[in-house]
Protein backbone atom coordinates (compact mmCIF):
# COMPACT_ATOMS: atom_id res chain seq x y z
CA MET A 1 -0.07 0.16 0.29
CA THR A 2 1.30 3.33 -0.76
CA LYS A 3 1.89 5.72 2.18
CA PRO A 4 -0.28 8.26 2.46
CA HIS A 5 1.22 11.73 1.71
CA ASN A 6 0.08 14.82 4.57
CA LEU A 7 -3.11 16.26 4.58
CA LEU A 8 -3.84 20.45 5.39
CA VAL A 9 -7.20 21.07 6.53
CA ILE A 10 -8.38 24.51 7.33
CA MET A 11 -11.25 25.79 8.42
CA SER A 12 -12.38 29.21 8.61
CA ASP A 13 -15.61 30.81 10.04
CA GLU A 14 -18.37 32.31 8.69
CA HIS A 15 -17.11 32.62 5.02
CA GLN A 16 -19.80 33.19 2.88
CA ALA A 17 -19.45 30.87 -0.29
CA ARG A 18 -20.04 33.51 -2.97
CA ALA A 19 -17.14 35.22 -1.42
CA LEU A 20 -14.41 34.13 -3.10
CA GLY A 21 -13.06 35.90 -6.58
CA CYS A 22 -12.76 31.86 -7.87
CA ALA A 23 -16.81 31.44 -6.98
CA GLU A 24 -17.19 34.84 -9.52
CA HIS A 25 -18.48 36.69 -6.78
CA GLY A 26 -17.35 40.05 -8.68
CA PHE A 27 -15.85 42.32 -6.23
CA VAL A 28 -14.00 40.20 -3.18
CA GLN A 29 -10.66 39.64 -3.64
CA THR A 30 -8.95 36.56 -2.93
CA PRO A 31 -5.87 35.59 -4.54
CA HIS A 32 -4.41 32.70 -2.44
CA LEU A 33 -7.56 30.53 -2.38
CA ASP A 34 -8.28 31.64 -6.21
CA ARG A 35 -4.99 30.42 -6.72
CA LEU A 36 -5.47 27.00 -4.21
CA ALA A 37 -8.76 26.97 -6.17
CA ALA A 38 -7.13 26.82 -9.69
CA ARG A 39 -4.78 24.14 -8.76
CA GLY A 40 -7.16 21.89 -7.61
CA LEU A 41 -10.74 21.14 -7.06
CA ARG A 42 -13.65 23.30 -6.10
CA PHE A 43 -17.03 22.08 -5.37
CA THR A 44 -19.54 24.62 -6.09
CA ASP A 45 -22.45 23.45 -4.07
CA ALA A 46 -21.27 22.87 -0.46
CA TYR A 47 -23.56 23.00 2.52
CA THR A 48 -23.24 23.22 6.24
CA PRO A 49 -24.93 20.17 8.35
CA SER A 50 -25.85 23.58 10.38
CA PRO A 51 -25.73 27.72 10.00
CA ILE A 52 -24.35 28.04 13.52
CA CYS A 53 -20.71 27.53 14.65
CA VAL A 54 -21.03 24.87 17.92
CA PRO A 55 -23.14 22.31 15.91
CA ALA A 56 -21.66 22.64 12.40
CA ARG A 57 -18.38 21.41 14.28
CA ALA A 58 -19.54 18.43 15.79
CA GLY A 59 -20.83 17.24 12.78
CA PHE A 60 -17.51 18.08 10.99
CA ALA A 61 -16.26 16.35 13.97
CA THR A 62 -18.01 13.43 13.69
CA GLY A 63 -19.28 13.10 10.09
CA ARG A 64 -22.49 13.38 11.75
CA TYR A 65 -26.06 15.16 11.11
CA VAL A 66 -27.31 17.32 14.44
CA HIS A 67 -30.05 15.26 14.87
CA GLU A 68 -27.43 11.97 16.04
CA THR A 69 -25.36 14.24 17.40
CA ARG A 70 -27.58 15.90 19.87
CA LEU A 71 -25.22 18.78 20.08
CA TRP A 72 -28.31 21.04 18.50
CA ASP A 73 -26.73 24.88 19.32
CA ASN A 74 -23.72 26.62 21.03
CA ALA A 75 -24.28 25.12 24.41
CA MET A 76 -23.90 21.39 23.81
CA PRO A 77 -20.36 21.48 22.59
CA TYR A 78 -18.08 18.47 21.10
CA THR A 79 -16.49 16.72 24.07
CA GLY A 80 -14.98 13.45 22.19
CA ALA A 81 -17.63 11.11 23.60
CA ILE A 82 -19.01 10.23 19.72
CA PRO A 83 -16.03 9.03 17.70
CA GLY A 84 -14.66 11.29 15.02
CA TRP A 85 -11.98 11.60 12.35
CA GLY A 86 -9.38 12.80 14.78
CA HIS A 87 -10.06 9.49 16.62
CA ALA A 88 -9.87 7.56 13.89
CA LEU A 89 -6.22 8.85 12.71
CA GLN A 90 -4.79 8.02 16.39
CA ALA A 91 -6.07 4.76 15.59
CA ALA A 92 -3.94 4.16 12.45
CA GLY A 93 -0.89 5.88 13.65
CA VAL A 94 -1.14 9.39 11.76
CA ARG A 95 -0.04 12.34 13.87
CA VAL A 96 -2.56 14.43 14.12
CA GLU A 97 -3.00 17.47 15.55
CA SER A 98 -5.04 21.32 15.40
CA ILE A 99 -3.84 24.99 15.19
CA GLY A 100 -6.51 27.33 16.51
CA LYS A 101 -10.11 27.69 16.93
CA LEU A 102 -12.38 24.28 17.66
CA HIS A 103 -15.56 25.21 19.54
CA TYR A 104 -15.39 22.23 21.40
CA ARG A 105 -15.96 22.06 24.97
CA SER A 106 -12.32 21.54 26.74
CA VAL A 107 -8.87 20.80 26.22
CA GLU A 108 -9.34 18.22 28.71
CA ASP A 109 -11.45 16.58 26.21
CA PRO A 110 -10.61 13.56 24.58
CA ALA A 111 -11.07 14.85 21.27
CA GLY A 112 -8.98 13.17 18.74
CA PHE A 113 -6.01 15.55 18.47
CA ASP A 114 -2.73 14.08 20.11
CA ALA A 115 -1.88 17.68 20.41
CA GLU A 116 -4.36 20.94 20.48
CA HIS A 117 -2.21 25.06 20.06
CA ILE A 118 -3.90 27.89 21.23
CA PRO A 119 -7.51 26.24 20.85
CA MET A 120 -10.82 29.00 21.12
CA MET A 121 -12.95 26.40 23.04
CA VAL A 122 -16.46 27.91 23.64
CA ALA A 123 -17.02 30.08 26.39
CA GLY A 124 -16.93 28.59 30.08
CA GLY A 125 -16.86 25.13 28.40
CA VAL A 126 -21.14 26.27 28.13
CA GLY A 127 -21.11 28.45 25.57
CA MET A 128 -23.88 30.15 24.97
CA VAL A 129 -26.89 28.51 27.32
CA TRP A 130 -29.06 31.43 27.45
CA ALA A 131 -29.80 31.20 23.54
CA SER A 132 -30.56 27.50 24.68
CA ILE A 133 -33.86 29.25 25.72
CA ARG A 134 -36.00 28.84 22.47
CA ARG A 135 -39.53 28.67 23.60
CA GLU A 136 -41.03 32.35 22.40
CA ASP A 137 -43.31 32.58 25.61
CA GLU A 138 -39.63 32.41 27.18
CA ARG A 139 -37.16 33.58 25.14
CA ILE A 140 -35.01 36.32 25.82
CA ILE A 141 -34.25 39.12 23.20
CA GLY A 142 -31.06 40.47 23.11
CA THR A 143 -30.07 43.62 23.93
CA GLY A 144 -26.45 43.96 23.07
CA ARG A 145 -25.61 44.04 19.17
CA MET A 146 -24.01 41.19 18.16
CA LEU A 147 -21.58 42.38 15.01
CA GLY A 148 -19.30 44.34 17.63
CA GLU A 149 -19.33 47.85 19.39
CA VAL A 150 -17.40 49.28 16.76
CA ILE A 151 -17.40 48.67 13.05
CA GLY A 152 -14.52 49.52 10.24
CA PRO A 153 -10.85 49.57 10.08
CA GLY A 154 -8.52 48.33 13.18
CA GLU A 155 -7.43 45.19 15.48
CA SER A 156 -9.67 43.20 17.22
CA PRO A 157 -8.94 40.43 19.75
CA TYR A 158 -9.86 38.34 16.59
CA THR A 159 -7.55 39.59 14.40
CA GLU A 160 -4.52 39.19 17.13
CA TYR A 161 -6.00 35.46 16.98
CA ASP A 162 -5.82 34.81 13.54
CA ALA A 163 -1.97 36.12 13.00
CA ALA A 164 -1.15 34.53 15.87
CA VAL A 165 -2.83 31.10 14.87
CA VAL A 166 -0.78 31.81 11.22
CA SER A 167 2.37 32.20 13.18
CA ARG A 168 2.36 28.81 15.14
CA THR A 169 1.29 27.29 12.12
CA VAL A 170 4.54 28.27 9.86
CA ASP A 171 6.62 27.62 12.93
CA TRP A 172 4.70 24.12 13.32
CA LEU A 173 5.49 23.69 9.38
CA ASP A 174 8.68 24.99 9.66
CA GLY A 175 9.48 22.28 12.75
CA VAL A 176 7.80 19.10 11.02
CA ALA A 177 9.83 19.44 7.87
CA CYS A 178 13.08 19.23 9.67
CA ASP A 179 11.86 16.23 12.12
CA ASP A 180 12.20 12.24 11.73
CA ASP A 181 8.96 11.58 13.22
CA GLY A 182 8.84 9.79 9.73
CA ARG A 183 4.41 9.33 10.25
CA PRO A 184 2.29 11.06 7.84
CA TRP A 185 0.78 13.88 10.17
CA CYS A 186 -2.78 15.83 9.79
CA LEU A 187 -2.84 19.36 10.51
CA TYR A 188 -6.46 21.46 11.41
CA VAL A 189 -6.28 24.76 11.13
CA GLY A 190 -8.56 26.82 12.96
CA LEU A 191 -9.41 30.85 11.68
CA VAL A 192 -11.69 33.21 12.82
CA ALA A 193 -12.08 35.63 9.66
CA PRO A 194 -14.63 36.77 8.38
CA HIS A 195 -16.83 35.86 12.11
CA PHE A 196 -17.49 39.60 13.67
CA PRO A 197 -17.04 41.20 15.53
CA LEU A 198 -16.56 43.29 12.01
CA VAL A 199 -13.24 44.82 12.44
CA VAL A 200 -10.58 44.41 10.11
CA PRO A 201 -6.65 46.13 9.67
CA GLU A 202 -7.03 49.30 7.37
CA ALA A 203 -5.26 47.54 4.66
CA PHE A 204 -8.06 45.37 3.78
CA TYR A 205 -10.90 47.41 4.78
CA ASP A 206 -9.66 49.89 2.65
CA LEU A 207 -10.03 47.21 -0.44
CA TYR A 208 -13.98 48.13 -0.39
CA PRO A 209 -14.95 51.58 -0.79
CA VAL A 210 -18.46 51.81 0.71
CA HIS A 211 -19.41 53.63 -2.19
CA ASP A 212 -18.47 51.12 -4.65
CA LEU A 213 -20.29 48.20 -2.87
CA PRO A 214 -23.63 46.03 -4.10
CA PRO A 215 -26.58 46.80 -2.18
CA ALA A 216 -28.20 44.69 -0.30
CA LYS A 217 -30.19 42.62 -1.72
CA LEU A 218 -34.11 41.73 -0.82
CA HIS A 219 -34.12 44.34 1.93
CA PRO A 220 -37.65 44.87 3.89
CA ARG A 221 -37.24 48.69 3.62
CA ASP A 222 -37.34 47.35 -0.23
CA GLY A 223 -40.90 45.93 -0.04
CA TYR A 224 -39.59 42.63 1.05
CA ASP A 225 -41.19 40.50 3.04
CA ARG A 226 -39.46 37.70 5.38
CA HIS A 227 -41.21 34.45 6.11
CA PRO A 228 -42.42 34.76 9.93
CA TRP A 229 -39.81 31.72 10.67
CA VAL A 230 -37.04 34.45 9.77
CA GLU A 231 -38.80 37.20 11.41
CA LYS A 232 -38.88 36.06 14.64
CA GLN A 233 -35.35 34.38 14.44
CA ASN A 234 -34.05 37.93 13.54
CA ALA A 235 -36.35 39.31 16.45
CA PHE A 236 -34.09 37.71 18.50
CA MET A 237 -30.87 39.61 17.70
CA ASP A 238 -31.84 42.22 15.38
CA SER A 239 -28.89 43.47 13.81
CA GLU A 240 -29.99 45.49 11.13
CA ALA A 241 -32.36 47.45 13.62
CA ARG A 242 -28.97 48.25 15.73
CA PHE A 243 -26.83 50.23 13.17
CA VAL A 244 -26.42 53.88 13.86
CA SER A 245 -26.73 54.98 10.22
CA GLU A 246 -26.53 53.84 6.78
CA GLU A 247 -22.91 54.85 6.35
CA GLU A 248 -22.40 52.00 9.54
CA ARG A 249 -24.19 49.87 7.86
CA LEU A 250 -21.94 50.32 4.68
CA ARG A 251 -19.01 50.14 7.28
CA ALA A 252 -20.05 46.49 8.09
CA MET A 253 -20.58 44.98 4.95
CA ALA A 254 -16.91 46.46 3.51
CA ALA A 255 -15.46 45.12 7.01
CA TYR A 256 -16.99 41.78 6.87
CA TYR A 257 -15.80 41.65 2.64
CA GLY A 258 -12.41 43.19 3.94
CA LEU A 259 -12.35 39.94 6.41
CA CYS A 260 -12.68 37.85 3.73
CA SER A 261 -9.80 39.34 2.52
CA TRP A 262 -7.96 39.22 5.83
CA LEU A 263 -8.73 35.69 5.72
CA ASP A 264 -7.07 35.16 3.17
CA PHE A 265 -3.69 36.96 3.50
CA ASN A 266 -3.34 34.50 6.20
CA VAL A 267 -4.18 30.97 4.14
CA GLY A 268 -1.63 32.84 1.28
CA LYS A 269 0.71 32.62 4.52
CA ILE A 270 0.35 29.25 5.55
CA LEU A 271 0.42 28.07 2.02
CA ASN A 272 3.57 30.11 0.87
CA ALA A 273 5.19 28.09 3.95
CA LEU A 274 4.11 24.78 2.66
CA ASP A 275 6.11 25.75 -0.94
CA ARG A 276 9.37 27.24 1.44
CA THR A 277 9.56 23.85 3.05
CA GLY A 278 8.98 21.78 0.56
CA LEU A 279 6.11 20.58 1.77
CA ALA A 280 3.52 21.12 -0.47
CA ARG A 281 5.14 18.12 -3.01
CA ASN A 282 3.38 15.62 -0.69
CA THR A 283 0.86 17.63 1.38
CA ALA A 284 -2.73 17.49 0.25
CA VAL A 285 -4.95 20.80 1.77
CA ILE A 286 -8.70 21.30 2.10
CA TYR A 287 -10.33 24.70 2.67
CA THR A 288 -13.70 25.39 3.82
CA SER A 289 -15.89 26.73 6.22
CA ASP A 290 -18.55 26.00 9.16
CA HIS A 291 -21.30 28.13 7.66
CA GLY A 292 -22.02 31.60 5.62
CA ASP A 293 -22.69 34.87 6.84
CA ASN A 294 -25.82 36.98 5.72
CA VAL A 295 -24.06 40.11 5.03
CA GLY A 296 -27.10 42.21 4.92
CA ALA A 297 -29.15 39.98 2.54
CA ARG A 298 -33.22 40.31 3.48
CA GLY A 299 -31.81 42.72 6.24
CA LEU A 300 -30.14 39.93 8.10
CA TRP A 301 -26.51 39.35 9.49
CA GLY A 302 -24.77 36.50 10.84
CA LYS A 303 -25.95 33.10 10.11
CA SER A 304 -29.00 31.41 11.57
CA ASN A 305 -30.75 30.61 8.82
CA LEU A 306 -31.64 28.04 5.37
CA TYR A 307 -30.52 30.65 2.84
CA GLN A 308 -27.72 30.38 0.47
CA GLU A 309 -25.81 33.01 2.21
CA SER A 310 -26.14 31.48 5.38
CA THR A 311 -26.29 27.55 4.66
CA ALA A 312 -23.64 27.47 1.53
CA ILE A 313 -20.19 26.88 1.85
CA PRO A 314 -16.54 27.30 0.32
CA LEU A 315 -15.10 24.04 -0.34
CA ILE A 316 -11.97 23.49 -2.06
CA MET A 317 -9.58 20.40 -2.09
CA ALA A 318 -5.81 20.25 -3.65
CA GLY A 319 -2.43 18.48 -3.66
CA PRO A 320 -1.29 15.00 -4.97
CA ALA A 321 -3.46 13.26 -6.65
CA THR A 322 -6.53 15.46 -6.65
CA ALA A 323 -7.90 16.80 -10.43
CA SER A 324 -8.42 20.70 -10.97
CA GLY A 325 -11.38 22.41 -12.05
CA THR A 326 -15.37 22.63 -10.46
CA CYS A 327 -17.22 19.37 -9.37
CA THR A 328 -20.80 20.69 -9.13
CA THR A 329 -22.33 17.85 -7.34
CA PRO A 330 -24.12 18.78 -3.85
CA VAL A 331 -21.82 17.82 -1.06
CA SER A 332 -21.75 18.87 2.87
CA LEU A 333 -19.28 19.43 5.22
CA LEU A 334 -19.73 16.24 6.73
CA ASP A 335 -18.20 14.70 3.31
CA VAL A 336 -14.95 15.93 4.57
CA SER A 337 -15.21 14.51 7.20
CA ALA A 338 -15.23 11.51 5.54
CA ALA A 339 -12.66 12.64 3.20
CA ILE A 340 -10.20 13.53 6.03
CA ALA A 341 -10.56 9.33 7.08
CA THR A 342 -10.34 8.39 3.86
CA HIS A 343 -7.40 10.19 2.77
CA PHE A 344 -5.43 8.13 5.32
CA GLY A 345 -7.00 4.50 4.13
CA THR A 346 -9.35 4.46 7.43
CA THR A 347 -13.08 5.33 7.73
CA ILE A 348 -15.36 6.67 10.25
CA ASP A 349 -19.36 5.61 11.21
CA VAL A 350 -21.01 8.59 9.04
CA SER A 351 -24.30 9.73 8.64
CA ALA A 352 -26.46 7.63 5.62
CA GLY A 353 -25.07 9.64 2.61
CA ILE A 354 -22.60 10.56 3.26
CA ARG A 355 -19.74 9.75 1.35
CA PRO A 356 -15.70 11.17 1.23
CA LEU A 357 -15.06 13.94 -1.05
CA GLN A 358 -12.49 11.47 -2.92
CA GLU A 359 -15.64 9.00 -3.89
CA ILE A 360 -17.94 12.15 -5.15
CA ALA A 361 -14.79 13.88 -7.04
CA ALA A 362 -14.04 10.52 -8.62
CA ALA A 363 -17.49 10.01 -10.30
CA PRO A 364 -19.59 12.25 -12.79
CA ASP A 365 -21.08 14.90 -11.64
CA ASP A 366 -24.33 14.23 -9.55
CA PRO A 367 -26.70 17.21 -9.80
CA MET A 368 -29.79 14.79 -7.98
CA ARG A 369 -27.44 14.08 -4.84
CA VAL A 370 -29.44 15.28 -1.40
CA VAL A 371 -28.23 17.62 0.55
CA PHE A 372 -29.34 18.16 3.90
CA SER A 373 -28.73 21.45 6.90
CA GLU A 374 -31.19 21.52 10.07
CA TYR A 375 -31.10 24.58 12.75
CA HIS A 376 -32.42 24.31 16.08
CA ALA A 377 -30.51 27.38 17.91
CA ALA A 378 -30.36 30.88 18.67
CA GLY A 379 -33.40 32.19 17.76
CA ALA A 380 -35.16 29.49 16.51
CA VAL A 381 -39.14 29.80 17.81
CA SER A 382 -38.93 25.63 16.10
CA GLY A 383 -36.91 23.52 13.94
CA ALA A 384 -36.10 24.40 10.48
CA PHE A 385 -34.62 22.17 8.01
CA MET A 386 -33.28 22.37 4.10
CA VAL A 387 -32.86 19.68 1.52
CA ARG A 388 -31.09 20.57 -1.57
CA GLN A 389 -31.84 18.12 -4.74
CA GLY A 390 -30.63 19.19 -8.24
CA ARG A 391 -31.97 22.71 -8.86
CA TRP A 392 -34.42 22.66 -6.03
CA LYS A 393 -34.04 23.86 -2.58
CA TYR A 394 -36.55 23.12 0.12
CA HIS A 395 -37.10 24.65 3.78
CA HIS A 396 -39.55 23.08 6.07
CA TYR A 397 -40.34 24.76 9.43
CA ILE A 398 -42.33 23.15 12.09
CA GLY A 399 -45.27 25.41 12.64
CA PHE A 400 -45.02 27.33 9.73
CA GLU A 401 -45.37 27.61 5.75
CA PRO A 402 -42.56 25.81 3.52
CA GLU A 403 -40.55 27.63 0.93
CA LEU A 404 -39.15 26.18 -2.38
CA PHE A 405 -37.10 27.69 -4.29
CA ASP A 406 -35.73 27.29 -8.02
CA LEU A 407 -31.91 27.41 -7.67
CA GLU A 408 -31.47 27.44 -11.48
CA ASP A 409 -33.90 30.15 -12.50
CA ASP A 410 -33.84 32.32 -9.17
CA PRO A 411 -30.14 31.69 -7.28
CA GLU A 412 -31.15 34.38 -5.17
CA GLU A 413 -34.09 33.01 -3.74
CA SER A 414 -36.47 35.60 -4.01
CA ALA A 415 -39.65 33.66 -5.59
CA ASN A 416 -41.00 31.24 -2.70
CA LEU A 417 -43.04 28.73 -5.03
CA ALA A 418 -44.41 26.24 -2.26
CA SER A 419 -47.76 27.53 -2.57
CA ASP A 420 -48.21 27.84 -6.35
CA PRO A 421 -50.15 24.76 -7.50
CA ALA A 422 -48.48 24.12 -10.12
CA PHE A 423 -45.20 22.63 -8.10
CA ALA A 424 -47.40 20.92 -5.72
CA ASP A 425 -45.35 17.87 -6.45
CA ARG A 426 -42.47 18.88 -6.02
CA LEU A 427 -42.67 20.08 -3.08
CA ALA A 428 -43.99 17.16 -2.05
CA HIS A 429 -41.14 15.49 -3.29
CA MET A 430 -39.05 17.23 -1.24
CA ARG A 431 -41.22 16.88 1.54
CA GLY A 432 -40.80 13.27 0.92
CA LEU A 433 -36.61 13.41 0.65
CA LEU A 434 -36.43 15.15 3.83
CA GLU A 435 -38.74 12.46 5.52
CA THR A 436 -35.67 9.56 4.25
CA ILE A 437 -33.63 11.79 6.51
CA CYS A 438 -35.50 12.36 9.68
CA ASP A 439 -38.73 12.92 11.10
CA PRO A 440 -38.63 16.92 11.71
CA ASP A 441 -41.43 16.82 14.14
CA ALA A 442 -40.21 14.46 16.41
CA ILE A 443 -36.48 16.22 15.74
CA ASP A 444 -37.80 19.19 16.84
CA ARG A 445 -39.25 17.70 19.86
CA GLN A 446 -36.42 16.03 20.71
CA ALA A 447 -34.18 19.50 20.27
CA PHE A 448 -36.35 21.07 22.82
CA ALA A 449 -36.17 18.41 25.61
CA ASP A 450 -32.51 18.36 25.00
CA GLN A 451 -32.35 22.09 25.81
CA ALA A 452 -34.80 22.11 28.60
CA ALA A 453 -32.95 19.26 29.89
CA LEU A 454 -29.55 21.01 29.78
CA ILE A 455 -31.37 24.15 31.27
CA GLU A 456 -32.50 22.18 34.21
CA ARG A 457 -29.15 20.33 35.07
CA LEU A 458 -27.20 24.33 34.92
CA GLY A 459 -29.62 25.17 37.35
CA GLY A 460 -32.38 26.72 35.83
CA ARG A 461 -33.38 29.37 33.45
CA ASP A 462 -32.29 32.40 36.00
CA ALA A 463 -28.92 30.73 35.70
CA ALA A 464 -28.96 30.47 32.15
CA LEU A 465 -28.98 33.47 31.41
CA THR A 466 -25.98 34.08 33.15
CA LEU A 467 -23.80 31.81 31.40
CA GLY A 468 -21.52 32.20 28.81
CA ALA A 469 -20.22 34.39 26.18
CA PRO A 470 -23.22 37.08 24.87
CA GLY A 471 -22.23 36.84 21.72
CA ALA A 472 -19.17 35.82 19.96
CA THR A 473 -16.23 33.66 21.91
CA PRO A 474 -13.44 35.46 23.30
CA PRO A 475 -10.23 34.33 21.95
CA PRO A 476 -7.68 32.66 24.36
CA GLU A 477 -4.25 33.56 25.71
CA THR A 478 -2.02 32.87 22.58
CA GLY A 479 1.45 33.18 24.64
CA GLY A 480 2.64 29.40 23.81
CA ARG A 481 0.22 26.86 25.43
CA THR A 482 -0.11 23.78 24.11
CA ALA A 483 -2.59 21.55 25.22
CA ALA A 484 -2.55 17.73 25.52
CA SER A 485 -5.88 15.91 24.66
């Protein structure tokens, strides 16, 4: 058997799939990721298993859907109790380490890494517990500003953290290029950008003059009516309503896109280190993100809904034995989980229908493959489920009317076809696909029950309201700590 080559996995946070030059965005500047895509394979239709950090990352760790891990929200982080690709690699004798953001529970947990360097975990080991109180008659509407008090050019603890993660990664690559360990290695690197707060070094902010930015699509002020489920979810922490002026809203857009270019700059430093050390010759690279960001579309910011801006993610795979071009088969972040194990000749127990990216890439493009996502977290007064197959995208909301979009004719998801009799058969077909994956009503009940049990274990509602970060998780100290797991 041929010795497997090394694998570098880079995951950003909240990177909208369209915010890539190679995705023909039109103005976002990502030259390093574009070059990676040019020499590798870009998956044009990739999706998160859940459009919020902690559940998506637990799914990525395990290759399993959120309703199977039952880690529903940002107060239920991954602990390593469900074996994932890291454990499989350890069992196979692969050196496997992480640098940067994980958003798991604790460095003490056996999460599948030999070492975790400057890891970012959920706040206090519990995360945003107050956001697990979701029932409409019980929940608390957020009073702070999710996007940060300051918006625009500058430095934040997050940009400083990313700089430290990149520095540690470059040092790690320099070290491994010189050591005599001999084992193949897998390095996971977690970068935070372009996650809010929307503050970015000035050189990157200046790439996007506010007067050149495109208008936000489907904005309520232009007559767009948000879906009732989305309206209630957004009311939990309405970022658009908290801008002090139109100029500040435009600064927020410029800062987000600037953070995408800052992210790309940092990815470039890592890829340059691979080249400089000679490791690029025998190292495959996967780049992706945990979920997207609405960036003002429909008057929404952050993630936490089922539209393309929130659920679609960038995904690039490059390296030895990887073809170049694009793959239009719809894929999931969970397929990346399977791909990491497959790369090293091992397997993990993944959800039904999940396949390694290598297998998907080797087959003819399959536009009819089904991809699934779900949301049971902050602001959601009921569960929401997404199914994508071919040109069709279906949103199922417990207690609300569904949405059906034809992405071929309507890539901006502007016309909901669910109530049109001409599409009744298609609507029923998409609902049937969802029901082959899960029973949405039963899953909704389970999520609420598990969240209520968590609140009770932590001392009840009043105690829960005091736990976890109010918004973005504070970054850890970056002065050289390494945690073995």
